N, C-alpha and C. Protein backbone atom coordinates (compact mmCIF):
# COMPACT_ATOMS: atom_id res chain seq x y z
N LEU A 1 150.88 36.78 111.28
CA LEU A 1 149.91 37.81 110.99
C LEU A 1 150.47 38.69 109.88
N MET A 2 149.65 38.96 108.86
CA MET A 2 150.06 39.76 107.71
C MET A 2 149.28 41.08 107.70
N LEU A 3 149.92 42.12 107.14
CA LEU A 3 149.31 43.43 107.10
C LEU A 3 149.54 44.05 105.71
N SER A 4 148.53 44.74 105.18
CA SER A 4 148.63 45.53 103.95
C SER A 4 148.19 46.94 104.28
N VAL A 5 148.69 47.90 103.50
CA VAL A 5 148.42 49.31 103.78
C VAL A 5 147.92 49.97 102.49
N ARG A 6 146.99 50.91 102.65
CA ARG A 6 146.52 51.70 101.52
C ARG A 6 146.53 53.16 101.92
N LEU A 7 147.12 54.01 101.11
CA LEU A 7 147.28 55.42 101.44
C LEU A 7 145.99 56.22 101.33
N GLY A 8 145.08 55.79 100.52
CA GLY A 8 143.81 56.48 100.31
C GLY A 8 142.99 55.73 99.29
N GLN A 9 141.79 56.20 99.02
CA GLN A 9 140.89 55.48 98.12
C GLN A 9 141.43 55.34 96.71
N ASP A 10 142.20 56.31 96.24
CA ASP A 10 142.72 56.25 94.87
C ASP A 10 144.00 55.42 94.74
N TRP A 11 144.54 54.96 95.85
CA TRP A 11 145.78 54.19 95.84
C TRP A 11 145.47 52.70 95.88
N ASN A 12 146.39 51.91 95.34
CA ASN A 12 146.27 50.45 95.42
C ASN A 12 146.74 49.99 96.80
N TRP A 13 146.26 48.82 97.21
CA TRP A 13 146.74 48.21 98.45
C TRP A 13 148.20 47.82 98.26
N SER A 14 148.98 47.97 99.29
CA SER A 14 150.39 47.55 99.23
C SER A 14 150.46 46.04 99.26
N GLY A 15 151.64 45.53 99.01
CA GLY A 15 151.88 44.11 99.23
C GLY A 15 151.78 43.82 100.71
N SER A 16 151.52 42.59 101.05
CA SER A 16 151.39 42.24 102.46
C SER A 16 152.75 41.97 103.07
N PHE A 17 152.83 42.19 104.37
CA PHE A 17 154.09 41.91 105.09
C PHE A 17 153.75 41.36 106.46
N SER A 18 154.68 40.57 106.96
CA SER A 18 154.51 39.94 108.26
C SER A 18 154.89 40.92 109.36
N ILE A 19 154.12 40.93 110.42
CA ILE A 19 154.48 41.74 111.58
C ILE A 19 155.01 40.85 112.71
N ASP A 20 155.37 39.62 112.37
CA ASP A 20 155.90 38.68 113.36
C ASP A 20 157.40 38.83 113.58
N GLN A 21 158.06 39.66 112.77
CA GLN A 21 159.50 39.83 112.87
C GLN A 21 159.84 41.28 113.16
N ILE A 22 160.87 41.49 113.95
CA ILE A 22 161.38 42.83 114.23
C ILE A 22 162.30 43.18 113.06
N VAL A 23 161.87 44.16 112.25
CA VAL A 23 162.59 44.45 111.01
C VAL A 23 162.24 45.86 110.54
N ASP A 24 163.09 46.40 109.68
CA ASP A 24 162.73 47.65 109.00
C ASP A 24 162.93 47.44 107.51
N PHE A 25 162.07 48.06 106.71
CA PHE A 25 162.11 47.90 105.26
C PHE A 25 161.33 49.04 104.63
N THR A 26 161.32 49.07 103.31
CA THR A 26 160.57 50.09 102.58
C THR A 26 159.43 49.41 101.84
N LEU A 27 158.23 49.95 102.01
CA LEU A 27 157.04 49.41 101.39
C LEU A 27 156.66 50.27 100.19
N LYS A 28 156.41 49.62 99.06
CA LYS A 28 156.07 50.34 97.83
C LYS A 28 154.56 50.45 97.68
N HIS A 29 154.10 51.67 97.41
CA HIS A 29 152.68 51.92 97.13
C HIS A 29 152.57 52.40 95.69
N THR A 30 151.55 51.91 94.98
CA THR A 30 151.37 52.30 93.59
C THR A 30 150.03 53.01 93.40
N HIS A 31 150.00 53.84 92.39
CA HIS A 31 148.82 54.63 92.04
C HIS A 31 148.74 54.69 90.53
N SER A 32 147.55 54.74 89.99
CA SER A 32 147.38 54.76 88.54
C SER A 32 147.97 56.00 87.89
N PHE A 33 147.92 57.14 88.57
CA PHE A 33 148.31 58.39 87.94
C PHE A 33 149.52 59.06 88.57
N HIS A 34 149.95 58.60 89.73
CA HIS A 34 151.08 59.23 90.42
C HIS A 34 152.27 58.30 90.44
N LYS A 35 153.43 58.86 90.74
CA LYS A 35 154.61 58.01 90.87
C LYS A 35 154.49 57.16 92.13
N ASP A 36 155.28 56.10 92.19
CA ASP A 36 155.25 55.22 93.35
C ASP A 36 155.65 55.99 94.61
N TYR A 37 155.07 55.58 95.72
CA TYR A 37 155.38 56.17 97.02
C TYR A 37 156.10 55.12 97.84
N LEU A 38 157.30 55.43 98.31
CA LEU A 38 158.10 54.48 99.07
C LEU A 38 158.05 54.86 100.55
N MET A 39 157.39 54.02 101.34
CA MET A 39 157.16 54.31 102.75
C MET A 39 158.06 53.44 103.64
N PRO A 40 158.94 54.07 104.43
CA PRO A 40 159.73 53.30 105.38
C PRO A 40 158.83 52.71 106.47
N ILE A 41 159.04 51.44 106.77
CA ILE A 41 158.30 50.74 107.83
C ILE A 41 159.32 50.23 108.85
N ASP A 42 159.05 50.44 110.10
CA ASP A 42 159.93 49.98 111.17
C ASP A 42 159.07 49.23 112.18
N ILE A 43 159.35 47.95 112.36
CA ILE A 43 158.60 47.12 113.32
C ILE A 43 159.52 46.86 114.51
N ARG A 44 159.06 47.26 115.69
CA ARG A 44 159.85 47.12 116.92
C ARG A 44 158.99 46.54 118.03
N GLU A 45 159.68 46.01 119.02
CA GLU A 45 158.99 45.51 120.21
C GLU A 45 159.62 46.15 121.43
N SER A 46 158.77 46.57 122.35
CA SER A 46 159.25 47.15 123.59
C SER A 46 158.29 46.76 124.70
N GLN A 47 158.81 46.12 125.71
CA GLN A 47 158.03 45.71 126.88
C GLN A 47 156.76 44.95 126.46
N ALA A 48 156.94 43.98 125.62
CA ALA A 48 155.87 43.08 125.14
C ALA A 48 154.82 43.78 124.28
N THR A 49 155.12 44.97 123.79
CA THR A 49 154.22 45.68 122.88
C THR A 49 154.89 45.80 121.53
N LEU A 50 154.14 45.49 120.48
CA LEU A 50 154.64 45.58 119.12
C LEU A 50 154.29 46.95 118.54
N PHE A 51 155.29 47.65 118.02
CA PHE A 51 155.09 48.95 117.40
C PHE A 51 155.36 48.84 115.91
N ILE A 52 154.43 49.32 115.09
CA ILE A 52 154.61 49.39 113.64
C ILE A 52 154.63 50.87 113.29
N MET A 53 155.80 51.36 112.89
CA MET A 53 155.96 52.79 112.62
C MET A 53 156.04 53.02 111.12
N PHE A 54 155.19 53.92 110.64
CA PHE A 54 155.13 54.27 109.23
C PHE A 54 155.80 55.62 109.05
N GLY A 55 156.79 55.67 108.17
CA GLY A 55 157.51 56.92 107.92
C GLY A 55 157.03 57.60 106.64
N ALA A 56 157.52 58.81 106.43
CA ALA A 56 157.21 59.56 105.21
C ALA A 56 158.21 59.19 104.12
N ASP A 57 157.79 59.30 102.88
CA ASP A 57 158.68 59.05 101.74
C ASP A 57 159.83 60.05 101.81
N ASN A 58 161.04 59.54 101.99
CA ASN A 58 162.20 60.42 102.13
C ASN A 58 163.06 60.45 100.86
N ASN A 59 162.52 59.92 99.76
CA ASN A 59 163.23 59.87 98.48
C ASN A 59 164.55 59.11 98.57
N LEU A 60 164.68 58.24 99.56
CA LEU A 60 165.86 57.39 99.69
C LEU A 60 165.42 55.94 99.48
N PRO A 61 165.39 55.50 98.24
CA PRO A 61 164.91 54.14 97.97
C PRO A 61 165.90 53.10 98.50
N PRO A 62 165.41 51.91 98.80
CA PRO A 62 166.32 50.86 99.26
C PRO A 62 167.24 50.38 98.14
N TYR A 63 166.79 50.53 96.89
CA TYR A 63 167.58 50.12 95.73
C TYR A 63 167.43 51.13 94.61
N ARG A 64 168.43 51.20 93.77
CA ARG A 64 168.35 51.98 92.54
C ARG A 64 168.91 51.10 91.43
N VAL A 65 168.14 50.96 90.36
CA VAL A 65 168.56 50.15 89.21
C VAL A 65 169.04 51.12 88.13
N GLU A 66 170.29 50.97 87.73
CA GLU A 66 170.87 51.80 86.68
C GLU A 66 171.00 50.99 85.41
N ASN A 67 170.46 51.50 84.33
CA ASN A 67 170.57 50.85 83.02
C ASN A 67 171.65 51.59 82.24
N CYS A 68 172.82 51.00 82.18
CA CYS A 68 173.97 51.61 81.51
C CYS A 68 174.13 51.06 80.09
N THR A 69 173.05 50.57 79.52
CA THR A 69 173.10 50.00 78.18
C THR A 69 172.34 50.89 77.20
N ASN A 70 172.42 50.53 75.94
CA ASN A 70 171.66 51.23 74.90
C ASN A 70 170.34 50.52 74.62
N GLU A 71 169.90 49.67 75.52
CA GLU A 71 168.65 48.93 75.39
C GLU A 71 167.68 49.36 76.48
N VAL A 72 166.40 49.18 76.23
CA VAL A 72 165.38 49.40 77.25
C VAL A 72 165.26 48.12 78.06
N ILE A 73 165.18 48.24 79.38
CA ILE A 73 165.01 47.05 80.21
C ILE A 73 163.73 47.17 81.02
N VAL A 74 163.22 46.03 81.46
CA VAL A 74 162.05 45.97 82.33
C VAL A 74 162.47 45.19 83.57
N VAL A 75 162.17 45.72 84.75
CA VAL A 75 162.52 45.05 85.99
C VAL A 75 161.25 44.82 86.81
N TYR A 76 161.25 43.72 87.54
CA TYR A 76 160.13 43.43 88.44
C TYR A 76 160.54 42.34 89.41
N GLN A 77 159.76 42.21 90.46
CA GLN A 77 159.99 41.16 91.45
C GLN A 77 159.42 39.86 90.92
N LYS A 78 160.21 38.79 91.02
CA LYS A 78 159.72 37.49 90.55
C LYS A 78 158.42 37.16 91.25
N SER A 79 157.47 36.64 90.50
CA SER A 79 156.13 36.26 90.96
C SER A 79 155.20 37.46 91.14
N VAL A 80 155.67 38.68 90.81
CA VAL A 80 154.84 39.88 90.93
C VAL A 80 154.93 40.66 89.61
N GLU A 81 154.47 40.05 88.55
CA GLU A 81 154.63 40.64 87.22
C GLU A 81 153.67 41.79 86.95
N VAL A 82 152.70 42.03 87.82
CA VAL A 82 151.74 43.10 87.59
C VAL A 82 152.35 44.49 87.76
N SER A 83 153.52 44.57 88.35
CA SER A 83 154.14 45.86 88.63
C SER A 83 155.50 45.98 87.93
N LYS A 84 155.50 45.73 86.63
CA LYS A 84 156.75 45.84 85.87
C LYS A 84 157.12 47.31 85.71
N GLN A 85 158.41 47.58 85.78
CA GLN A 85 158.92 48.93 85.68
C GLN A 85 159.87 49.01 84.49
N THR A 86 159.59 49.89 83.54
CA THR A 86 160.42 50.06 82.36
C THR A 86 161.47 51.13 82.63
N ILE A 87 162.72 50.82 82.28
CA ILE A 87 163.83 51.76 82.46
C ILE A 87 164.48 51.97 81.10
N GLY A 88 164.46 53.20 80.66
CA GLY A 88 165.02 53.54 79.36
C GLY A 88 166.54 53.39 79.32
N GLN A 89 167.05 53.47 78.11
CA GLN A 89 168.50 53.33 77.93
C GLN A 89 169.25 54.46 78.64
N LEU A 90 170.38 54.12 79.22
CA LEU A 90 171.24 55.08 79.91
C LEU A 90 170.50 55.91 80.95
N SER A 91 169.62 55.26 81.69
CA SER A 91 168.89 55.95 82.77
C SER A 91 168.72 55.00 83.95
N GLY A 92 168.09 55.48 85.00
CA GLY A 92 167.92 54.66 86.19
C GLY A 92 166.56 54.89 86.82
N ALA A 93 166.24 54.07 87.80
CA ALA A 93 164.95 54.18 88.49
C ALA A 93 165.10 53.64 89.92
N ASN A 94 164.34 54.23 90.83
CA ASN A 94 164.29 53.74 92.20
C ASN A 94 163.50 52.44 92.21
N PHE A 95 163.83 51.57 93.17
CA PHE A 95 163.17 50.28 93.24
C PHE A 95 162.96 49.86 94.68
N ALA A 96 161.80 49.30 94.94
CA ALA A 96 161.49 48.66 96.23
C ALA A 96 160.66 47.41 95.92
N TRP A 97 160.70 46.44 96.80
CA TRP A 97 159.95 45.20 96.58
C TRP A 97 158.46 45.47 96.67
N ASP A 98 157.69 44.89 95.73
CA ASP A 98 156.23 45.04 95.74
C ASP A 98 155.59 44.17 96.81
N GLU A 99 156.12 42.99 96.98
CA GLU A 99 155.57 42.04 97.95
C GLU A 99 156.69 41.61 98.90
N PRO A 100 156.82 42.26 100.05
CA PRO A 100 157.89 41.90 100.98
C PRO A 100 157.82 40.46 101.49
N SER A 101 156.64 39.83 101.41
CA SER A 101 156.48 38.50 101.99
C SER A 101 156.84 37.36 101.02
N VAL A 102 157.11 37.67 99.76
CA VAL A 102 157.51 36.62 98.81
C VAL A 102 159.01 36.75 98.55
N PRO A 103 159.64 35.71 97.99
CA PRO A 103 161.09 35.78 97.76
C PRO A 103 161.50 37.05 97.00
N GLN A 104 162.57 37.64 97.46
CA GLN A 104 163.04 38.90 96.88
C GLN A 104 164.08 38.61 95.80
N ARG A 105 163.56 38.38 94.59
CA ARG A 105 164.41 38.11 93.44
C ARG A 105 164.03 39.08 92.33
N LEU A 106 165.02 39.83 91.85
CA LEU A 106 164.79 40.82 90.81
C LEU A 106 164.95 40.18 89.44
N ILE A 107 163.94 40.37 88.59
CA ILE A 107 163.97 39.88 87.21
C ILE A 107 164.26 41.09 86.31
N VAL A 108 165.23 40.95 85.40
CA VAL A 108 165.58 41.99 84.46
C VAL A 108 165.42 41.42 83.06
N GLU A 109 164.59 42.09 82.25
CA GLU A 109 164.35 41.65 80.87
C GLU A 109 164.82 42.74 79.92
N VAL A 110 165.53 42.35 78.87
CA VAL A 110 165.93 43.31 77.84
C VAL A 110 164.85 43.32 76.78
N GLN A 111 164.39 44.51 76.41
CA GLN A 111 163.31 44.65 75.43
C GLN A 111 163.87 44.75 74.02
């Protein structure tokens, strides 16, 4: 069983994720005009009941990509090129997987 989440009408649907596994992860939400929202998700089971807990963005991303070069780089999840993130020279950016259900491979391109 797969689940996607949307924060409101102006937000895009999140990537889908399986609720068949007991796991915790961070789900990335995107918006045309706002910065990405990183929502902690915790899936637990207790006494044959499945709980899906949605947390508030705590500004603690699961990953941070640091660009320590004098070049601009673009990072994205393989197979999810619609959400490319540009990182300027000598700067960094928070990162979370766009689609938790597809292989988690980070692509880095030098511009």
